[in-house]
């Protein structure tokens, strides 16, 4: 699985003019299931993100995790994280999981984040979403369970 994580002061997702999810301080997590991914990859990714020390401590150092801060996560499906730009000018997405499997793993991942005690808001898989965020830092981190 792949994820792009952004530390945010706030974030929200809107579909067809309706806000589906919003959070205050925490993480915006754009996530993509890749072909061959299983629950094991989702488990590892959720555990790593929940414990990733990218929030400031009292000394201003990135030394606290989302679990330490009581922050929330806005989890958005983002199949374009599978983009292959090696050839030509049009990205290919053939390495992304098929839609049914991608949806299942996206929902499973969000559930694993929630199971760790993190409040989770979500977008809608496959929808045309409008995501708003106030990036904090900015802190943006790319993660891949293959790497």
N, C-alpha and C. Protein backbone atom coordinates (compact mmCIF):
# COMPACT_ATOMS: atom_id res chain seq x y z
N UNK A 1 0.85 -1.18 0.00
CA UNK A 1 0.00 0.00 0.00
C UNK A 1 0.89 1.23 0.00
N UNK A 2 0.35 2.26 -0.56
CA UNK A 2 1.04 3.54 -0.59
C UNK A 2 0.20 4.58 0.14
N UNK A 3 0.91 5.51 0.77
CA UNK A 3 0.20 6.60 1.44
C UNK A 3 1.02 7.87 1.34
N UNK A 4 0.33 8.96 1.22
CA UNK A 4 0.92 10.28 1.33
C UNK A 4 0.27 10.91 2.55
N UNK A 5 1.11 11.24 3.53
CA UNK A 5 0.62 11.72 4.82
C UNK A 5 0.96 13.20 4.96
N UNK A 6 -0.03 13.99 5.34
CA UNK A 6 0.19 15.40 5.57
C UNK A 6 -0.28 15.76 6.97
N UNK A 7 0.62 16.37 7.73
CA UNK A 7 0.23 16.88 9.04
C UNK A 7 -0.59 18.13 8.82
N UNK A 8 -1.78 18.17 9.42
CA UNK A 8 -2.69 19.28 9.16
C UNK A 8 -3.19 19.92 10.46
N UNK A 9 -3.54 21.18 10.34
CA UNK A 9 -4.25 21.87 11.43
C UNK A 9 -5.74 21.57 11.32
N UNK A 10 -6.19 21.37 10.07
CA UNK A 10 -7.58 20.98 9.80
C UNK A 10 -7.66 20.46 8.37
N UNK A 11 -8.67 19.64 8.11
CA UNK A 11 -8.89 19.12 6.76
C UNK A 11 -10.34 18.67 6.63
N UNK A 12 -10.84 18.70 5.39
CA UNK A 12 -12.20 18.23 5.13
C UNK A 12 -12.29 17.67 3.72
N UNK A 13 -13.31 16.85 3.50
CA UNK A 13 -13.58 16.30 2.18
C UNK A 13 -15.06 16.51 1.86
N UNK A 14 -15.31 16.98 0.64
CA UNK A 14 -16.65 17.28 0.17
C UNK A 14 -16.94 16.49 -1.10
N UNK A 15 -18.14 15.93 -1.19
CA UNK A 15 -18.60 15.26 -2.40
C UNK A 15 -19.96 15.84 -2.76
N UNK A 16 -20.08 16.30 -4.00
CA UNK A 16 -21.33 16.88 -4.50
C UNK A 16 -21.87 17.95 -3.55
N UNK A 17 -20.98 18.79 -3.04
CA UNK A 17 -21.38 19.91 -2.19
C UNK A 17 -21.63 19.57 -0.73
N UNK A 18 -21.56 18.30 -0.37
CA UNK A 18 -21.80 17.89 1.02
C UNK A 18 -20.49 17.47 1.68
N UNK A 19 -20.24 18.00 2.88
CA UNK A 19 -19.04 17.62 3.62
C UNK A 19 -19.25 16.21 4.18
N UNK A 20 -18.39 15.29 3.77
CA UNK A 20 -18.48 13.90 4.25
C UNK A 20 -17.67 13.68 5.51
N UNK A 21 -16.55 14.37 5.61
CA UNK A 21 -15.69 14.19 6.76
C UNK A 21 -14.84 15.41 6.99
N UNK A 22 -14.54 15.69 8.24
CA UNK A 22 -13.65 16.80 8.57
C UNK A 22 -12.98 16.51 9.90
N UNK A 23 -11.76 17.03 10.02
CA UNK A 23 -11.00 16.86 11.25
C UNK A 23 -10.34 18.18 11.62
N UNK A 24 -9.95 18.27 12.86
CA UNK A 24 -9.09 19.36 13.32
C UNK A 24 -7.65 18.89 13.19
N UNK A 25 -6.81 19.19 14.17
CA UNK A 25 -5.41 18.79 14.09
C UNK A 25 -5.26 17.27 13.94
N UNK A 26 -4.33 16.88 13.07
CA UNK A 26 -4.09 15.45 12.86
C UNK A 26 -3.41 15.20 11.54
N UNK A 27 -3.85 14.15 10.86
CA UNK A 27 -3.23 13.74 9.61
C UNK A 27 -4.27 13.58 8.50
N UNK A 28 -3.95 14.11 7.34
CA UNK A 28 -4.66 13.79 6.12
C UNK A 28 -3.87 12.65 5.49
N UNK A 29 -4.53 11.51 5.28
CA UNK A 29 -3.86 10.33 4.74
C UNK A 29 -4.50 9.97 3.41
N UNK A 30 -3.74 10.18 2.32
CA UNK A 30 -4.15 9.74 1.00
C UNK A 30 -3.59 8.33 0.84
N UNK A 31 -4.45 7.36 0.54
CA UNK A 31 -4.01 5.96 0.54
C UNK A 31 -4.43 5.25 -0.74
N UNK A 32 -3.54 4.36 -1.22
CA UNK A 32 -3.78 3.60 -2.44
C UNK A 32 -3.39 2.15 -2.22
N UNK A 33 -4.32 1.25 -2.48
CA UNK A 33 -4.00 -0.18 -2.46
C UNK A 33 -3.41 -0.56 -3.82
N UNK A 34 -2.33 -1.31 -3.78
CA UNK A 34 -1.64 -1.74 -4.99
C UNK A 34 -1.99 -3.21 -5.27
N UNK A 35 -1.79 -3.63 -6.51
CA UNK A 35 -2.05 -5.03 -6.86
C UNK A 35 -1.26 -5.94 -5.94
N UNK A 36 -1.90 -6.97 -5.42
CA UNK A 36 -1.25 -7.92 -4.55
C UNK A 36 -1.27 -7.56 -3.08
N UNK A 37 -1.70 -6.35 -2.74
CA UNK A 37 -1.76 -5.96 -1.33
C UNK A 37 -2.82 -6.78 -0.60
N UNK A 38 -2.57 -7.01 0.68
CA UNK A 38 -3.48 -7.75 1.54
C UNK A 38 -3.71 -6.95 2.82
N UNK A 39 -4.48 -7.54 3.72
CA UNK A 39 -4.69 -6.90 5.02
C UNK A 39 -3.38 -6.71 5.77
N UNK A 40 -2.40 -7.57 5.54
CA UNK A 40 -1.12 -7.46 6.24
C UNK A 40 -0.44 -6.13 5.92
N UNK A 41 -0.49 -5.70 4.66
CA UNK A 41 0.10 -4.41 4.30
C UNK A 41 -0.69 -3.27 4.95
N UNK A 42 -2.00 -3.37 4.95
CA UNK A 42 -2.83 -2.33 5.58
C UNK A 42 -2.55 -2.27 7.08
N UNK A 43 -2.40 -3.40 7.72
CA UNK A 43 -2.08 -3.45 9.15
C UNK A 43 -0.76 -2.74 9.43
N UNK A 44 0.28 -3.09 8.65
CA UNK A 44 1.61 -2.50 8.85
C UNK A 44 1.58 -0.99 8.62
N UNK A 45 0.91 -0.57 7.57
CA UNK A 45 0.85 0.85 7.25
C UNK A 45 0.11 1.63 8.34
N UNK A 46 -1.02 1.12 8.79
CA UNK A 46 -1.79 1.80 9.84
C UNK A 46 -0.98 1.90 11.14
N UNK A 47 -0.32 0.82 11.50
CA UNK A 47 0.48 0.82 12.74
C UNK A 47 1.63 1.82 12.63
N UNK A 48 2.29 1.86 11.50
CA UNK A 48 3.42 2.77 11.30
C UNK A 48 2.96 4.22 11.34
N UNK A 49 1.86 4.53 10.66
CA UNK A 49 1.37 5.91 10.62
C UNK A 49 0.93 6.37 12.01
N UNK A 50 0.24 5.51 12.75
CA UNK A 50 -0.25 5.88 14.08
C UNK A 50 0.90 6.21 15.03
N UNK A 51 2.06 5.59 14.81
CA UNK A 51 3.21 5.76 15.71
C UNK A 51 4.28 6.69 15.15
N UNK A 52 4.06 7.21 13.94
CA UNK A 52 5.05 8.06 13.29
C UNK A 52 5.19 9.37 14.05
N UNK A 53 6.39 9.65 14.53
CA UNK A 53 6.63 10.81 15.40
C UNK A 53 6.92 12.04 14.55
N UNK A 54 5.84 12.74 14.15
CA UNK A 54 5.98 13.92 13.30
C UNK A 54 5.27 15.15 13.88
N UNK A 55 4.84 15.03 15.13
CA UNK A 55 4.21 16.17 15.81
C UNK A 55 5.19 16.73 16.83
N UNK A 56 5.15 18.03 17.03
CA UNK A 56 6.11 18.69 17.90
C UNK A 56 5.86 18.42 19.37
N UNK A 57 6.96 18.27 20.10
CA UNK A 57 6.87 18.15 21.55
C UNK A 57 7.04 19.55 22.15
N UNK A 58 7.17 19.63 23.47
CA UNK A 58 7.26 20.92 24.15
C UNK A 58 8.52 21.70 23.74
N UNK A 59 9.53 21.00 23.24
CA UNK A 59 10.77 21.65 22.81
C UNK A 59 10.77 21.99 21.33
N UNK A 60 9.65 21.76 20.65
CA UNK A 60 9.55 22.08 19.23
C UNK A 60 10.15 21.04 18.31
N UNK A 61 10.50 19.88 18.84
CA UNK A 61 11.07 18.80 18.03
C UNK A 61 9.96 17.84 17.60
N UNK A 62 10.09 17.28 16.40
CA UNK A 62 9.11 16.27 15.95
C UNK A 62 9.40 14.99 16.74
N UNK A 63 8.63 14.80 17.80
CA UNK A 63 8.90 13.70 18.72
C UNK A 63 7.63 13.04 19.24
N UNK A 64 6.47 13.46 18.72
CA UNK A 64 5.20 12.91 19.19
C UNK A 64 4.44 12.31 18.02
N UNK A 65 3.70 11.25 18.31
CA UNK A 65 2.91 10.54 17.30
C UNK A 65 1.45 10.98 17.38
N UNK A 66 0.70 10.64 16.37
CA UNK A 66 -0.73 10.94 16.35
C UNK A 66 -1.40 10.36 17.59
N UNK A 67 -1.00 9.16 17.98
CA UNK A 67 -1.56 8.54 19.19
C UNK A 67 -1.28 9.38 20.43
N UNK A 68 -0.14 10.07 20.47
CA UNK A 68 0.23 10.89 21.62
C UNK A 68 -0.55 12.20 21.68
N UNK A 69 -0.96 12.71 20.52
CA UNK A 69 -1.57 14.03 20.46
C UNK A 69 -3.09 14.02 20.61
N UNK A 70 -3.70 12.86 20.42
CA UNK A 70 -5.15 12.79 20.44
C UNK A 70 -5.78 13.35 19.17
N UNK A 71 -4.96 13.51 18.13
CA UNK A 71 -5.45 14.03 16.86
C UNK A 71 -6.25 12.99 16.09
N UNK A 72 -6.80 13.42 14.97
CA UNK A 72 -7.65 12.58 14.14
C UNK A 72 -7.00 12.34 12.78
N UNK A 73 -7.60 11.45 12.01
CA UNK A 73 -7.12 11.16 10.65
C UNK A 73 -8.28 11.30 9.67
N UNK A 74 -8.02 11.98 8.57
CA UNK A 74 -8.94 12.02 7.44
C UNK A 74 -8.33 11.12 6.39
N UNK A 75 -9.00 10.00 6.10
CA UNK A 75 -8.47 8.99 5.19
C UNK A 75 -9.21 9.08 3.85
N UNK A 76 -8.44 9.32 2.80
CA UNK A 76 -8.99 9.53 1.46
C UNK A 76 -8.39 8.50 0.50
N UNK A 77 -9.22 7.82 -0.28
CA UNK A 77 -8.71 6.91 -1.29
C UNK A 77 -8.12 7.73 -2.44
N UNK A 78 -6.95 7.30 -2.93
CA UNK A 78 -6.24 8.09 -3.94
C UNK A 78 -5.50 7.15 -4.88
N UNK A 79 -6.22 6.56 -5.85
CA UNK A 79 -5.58 5.59 -6.74
C UNK A 79 -4.46 6.21 -7.57
N UNK A 80 -4.44 7.52 -7.72
CA UNK A 80 -3.39 8.13 -8.53
C UNK A 80 -2.00 8.03 -7.87
N UNK A 81 -1.93 7.59 -6.62
CA UNK A 81 -0.63 7.32 -6.00
C UNK A 81 0.07 6.15 -6.69
N UNK A 82 -0.67 5.38 -7.48
CA UNK A 82 -0.09 4.26 -8.23
C UNK A 82 0.45 4.70 -9.58
N UNK A 83 0.46 6.00 -9.85
CA UNK A 83 0.86 6.50 -11.17
C UNK A 83 2.25 6.03 -11.57
N UNK A 84 2.34 5.50 -12.78
CA UNK A 84 3.61 5.13 -13.39
C UNK A 84 3.89 6.19 -14.45
N UNK A 85 4.93 6.97 -14.24
CA UNK A 85 5.26 8.05 -15.16
C UNK A 85 6.55 7.77 -15.93
N UNK A 86 6.97 6.51 -15.96
CA UNK A 86 8.24 6.15 -16.58
C UNK A 86 8.24 6.34 -18.09
N UNK A 87 7.08 6.16 -18.74
CA UNK A 87 7.02 6.27 -20.19
C UNK A 87 5.99 7.32 -20.60
N UNK A 88 6.37 8.13 -21.55
CA UNK A 88 5.43 9.10 -22.10
C UNK A 88 5.02 10.17 -21.11
N UNK A 89 3.95 10.85 -21.46
CA UNK A 89 3.46 11.96 -20.65
C UNK A 89 2.14 11.68 -19.96
N UNK A 90 1.57 10.51 -20.24
CA UNK A 90 0.31 10.15 -19.61
C UNK A 90 0.58 9.04 -18.58
N UNK A 91 0.30 9.30 -17.30
CA UNK A 91 0.57 8.28 -16.29
C UNK A 91 -0.31 7.04 -16.49
N UNK A 92 0.26 5.90 -16.14
CA UNK A 92 -0.49 4.65 -16.15
C UNK A 92 -0.80 4.24 -14.72
N UNK A 93 -1.92 3.57 -14.54
CA UNK A 93 -2.36 3.19 -13.19
C UNK A 93 -2.59 1.69 -13.06
N UNK A 94 -1.95 0.91 -13.92
CA UNK A 94 -2.20 -0.54 -13.95
C UNK A 94 -1.69 -1.26 -12.71
N UNK A 95 -0.85 -0.63 -11.90
CA UNK A 95 -0.35 -1.29 -10.69
C UNK A 95 -1.28 -1.10 -9.49
N UNK A 96 -2.30 -0.25 -9.65
CA UNK A 96 -3.28 -0.08 -8.56
C UNK A 96 -4.13 -1.34 -8.45
N UNK A 97 -4.59 -1.62 -7.26
CA UNK A 97 -5.48 -2.77 -7.06
C UNK A 97 -6.77 -2.55 -7.85
N UNK A 98 -7.42 -3.63 -8.30
CA UNK A 98 -8.72 -3.48 -8.96
C UNK A 98 -9.70 -2.76 -8.02
N UNK A 99 -10.68 -2.06 -8.57
CA UNK A 99 -11.57 -1.22 -7.74
C UNK A 99 -12.21 -1.93 -6.54
N UNK A 100 -12.74 -3.13 -6.71
CA UNK A 100 -13.38 -3.80 -5.57
C UNK A 100 -12.39 -4.10 -4.46
N UNK A 101 -11.19 -4.54 -4.85
CA UNK A 101 -10.15 -4.84 -3.86
C UNK A 101 -9.62 -3.54 -3.25
N UNK A 102 -9.48 -2.51 -4.06
CA UNK A 102 -9.03 -1.22 -3.56
C UNK A 102 -9.98 -0.65 -2.53
N UNK A 103 -11.28 -0.75 -2.81
CA UNK A 103 -12.28 -0.27 -1.85
C UNK A 103 -12.21 -1.06 -0.54
N UNK A 104 -12.13 -2.37 -0.66
CA UNK A 104 -12.08 -3.23 0.53
C UNK A 104 -10.88 -2.88 1.40
N UNK A 105 -9.71 -2.73 0.79
CA UNK A 105 -8.50 -2.44 1.55
C UNK A 105 -8.49 -1.01 2.09
N UNK A 106 -9.06 -0.07 1.36
CA UNK A 106 -9.19 1.30 1.84
C UNK A 106 -10.05 1.32 3.11
N UNK A 107 -11.19 0.67 3.08
CA UNK A 107 -12.07 0.63 4.24
C UNK A 107 -11.43 -0.15 5.39
N UNK A 108 -10.72 -1.22 5.07
CA UNK A 108 -10.03 -2.01 6.09
C UNK A 108 -8.95 -1.15 6.77
N UNK A 109 -8.17 -0.42 5.96
CA UNK A 109 -7.12 0.45 6.50
C UNK A 109 -7.72 1.49 7.46
N UNK A 110 -8.78 2.14 7.05
CA UNK A 110 -9.43 3.15 7.90
C UNK A 110 -9.89 2.50 9.21
N UNK A 111 -10.43 1.29 9.12
CA UNK A 111 -10.85 0.56 10.31
C UNK A 111 -9.70 0.24 11.24
N UNK A 112 -8.53 -0.08 10.66
CA UNK A 112 -7.35 -0.39 11.47
C UNK A 112 -6.85 0.87 12.18
N UNK A 113 -6.94 2.02 11.53
CA UNK A 113 -6.56 3.27 12.20
C UNK A 113 -7.51 3.52 13.37
N UNK A 114 -8.79 3.33 13.13
CA UNK A 114 -9.80 3.54 14.16
C UNK A 114 -9.62 2.56 15.32
N UNK A 115 -9.25 1.33 15.03
CA UNK A 115 -9.07 0.31 16.07
C UNK A 115 -7.94 0.67 17.03
N UNK A 116 -7.05 1.55 16.59
CA UNK A 116 -5.95 1.98 17.46
C UNK A 116 -6.35 3.16 18.34
N UNK A 117 -7.61 3.56 18.24
CA UNK A 117 -8.10 4.65 19.08
C UNK A 117 -8.01 6.01 18.43
N UNK A 118 -7.78 6.05 17.13
CA UNK A 118 -7.68 7.32 16.41
C UNK A 118 -9.04 7.64 15.79
N UNK A 119 -9.60 8.81 16.06
CA UNK A 119 -10.83 9.21 15.38
C UNK A 119 -10.56 9.32 13.87
N UNK A 120 -11.43 8.70 13.07
CA UNK A 120 -11.22 8.66 11.63
C UNK A 120 -12.44 9.21 10.90
N UNK A 121 -12.18 10.11 9.95
CA UNK A 121 -13.18 10.57 9.00
C UNK A 121 -12.73 10.07 7.64
N UNK A 122 -13.69 9.87 6.73
CA UNK A 122 -13.35 9.28 5.43
C UNK A 122 -14.02 10.04 4.30
N UNK A 123 -13.44 9.85 3.13
CA UNK A 123 -14.06 10.29 1.90
C UNK A 123 -14.94 9.17 1.36
N UNK A 124 -15.27 9.24 0.07
CA UNK A 124 -16.08 8.20 -0.57
C UNK A 124 -15.25 7.59 -1.70
N UNK A 125 -15.00 6.31 -1.61
CA UNK A 125 -14.19 5.61 -2.60
C UNK A 125 -14.75 5.83 -4.01
N UNK A 126 -13.88 6.21 -4.94
CA UNK A 126 -14.27 6.36 -6.33
C UNK A 126 -15.01 7.64 -6.67
N UNK A 127 -15.29 8.46 -5.69
CA UNK A 127 -16.04 9.70 -5.94
C UNK A 127 -15.10 10.82 -6.38
N UNK A 128 -15.68 11.83 -7.01
CA UNK A 128 -14.96 13.06 -7.31
C UNK A 128 -15.00 13.90 -6.04
N UNK A 129 -13.90 13.90 -5.31
CA UNK A 129 -13.85 14.55 -4.00
C UNK A 129 -13.10 15.87 -4.08
N UNK A 130 -13.52 16.79 -3.26
CA UNK A 130 -12.82 18.05 -3.07
C UNK A 130 -12.24 18.01 -1.66
N UNK A 131 -10.92 18.05 -1.57
CA UNK A 131 -10.24 17.94 -0.28
C UNK A 131 -9.62 19.30 0.05
N UNK A 132 -9.93 19.79 1.22
CA UNK A 132 -9.36 21.04 1.71
C UNK A 132 -8.48 20.71 2.90
N UNK A 133 -7.35 21.40 3.00
CA UNK A 133 -6.49 21.18 4.14
C UNK A 133 -5.68 22.42 4.45
N UNK A 134 -5.32 22.51 5.69
CA UNK A 134 -4.37 23.52 6.14
C UNK A 134 -3.16 22.73 6.62
N UNK A 135 -2.16 22.65 5.73
CA UNK A 135 -0.97 21.86 6.01
C UNK A 135 -0.20 22.52 7.14
N UNK A 136 0.22 21.74 8.10
CA UNK A 136 0.93 22.23 9.28
C UNK A 136 2.41 21.91 9.13
N UNK A 137 3.22 22.92 8.98
CA UNK A 137 4.66 22.72 8.90
C UNK A 137 5.30 23.43 7.71
N UNK A 138 5.09 23.00 6.51
CA UNK A 138 4.37 21.80 6.10
C UNK A 138 5.18 20.53 6.37
N UNK A 139 4.46 19.49 6.73
CA UNK A 139 5.05 18.16 6.90
C UNK A 139 4.28 17.22 5.99
N UNK A 140 4.97 16.68 5.00
CA UNK A 140 4.37 15.75 4.05
C UNK A 140 5.32 14.58 3.87
N UNK A 141 4.81 13.36 4.07
CA UNK A 141 5.66 12.16 4.03
C UNK A 141 5.02 11.09 3.15
N UNK A 142 5.86 10.50 2.29
CA UNK A 142 5.46 9.41 1.40
C UNK A 142 5.82 8.09 2.07
N UNK A 143 4.88 7.13 2.05
CA UNK A 143 5.15 5.81 2.62
C UNK A 143 4.68 4.74 1.63
N UNK A 144 5.42 3.65 1.59
CA UNK A 144 5.09 2.52 0.71
C UNK A 144 5.46 1.25 1.45
N UNK A 145 4.54 0.31 1.56
CA UNK A 145 4.84 -0.92 2.29
C UNK A 145 5.83 -1.79 1.55
N UNK A 146 6.11 -1.50 0.28
CA UNK A 146 7.12 -2.26 -0.47
C UNK A 146 8.52 -1.72 -0.22
N UNK A 147 8.61 -0.50 0.31
CA UNK A 147 9.92 0.12 0.44
C UNK A 147 10.44 0.21 1.82
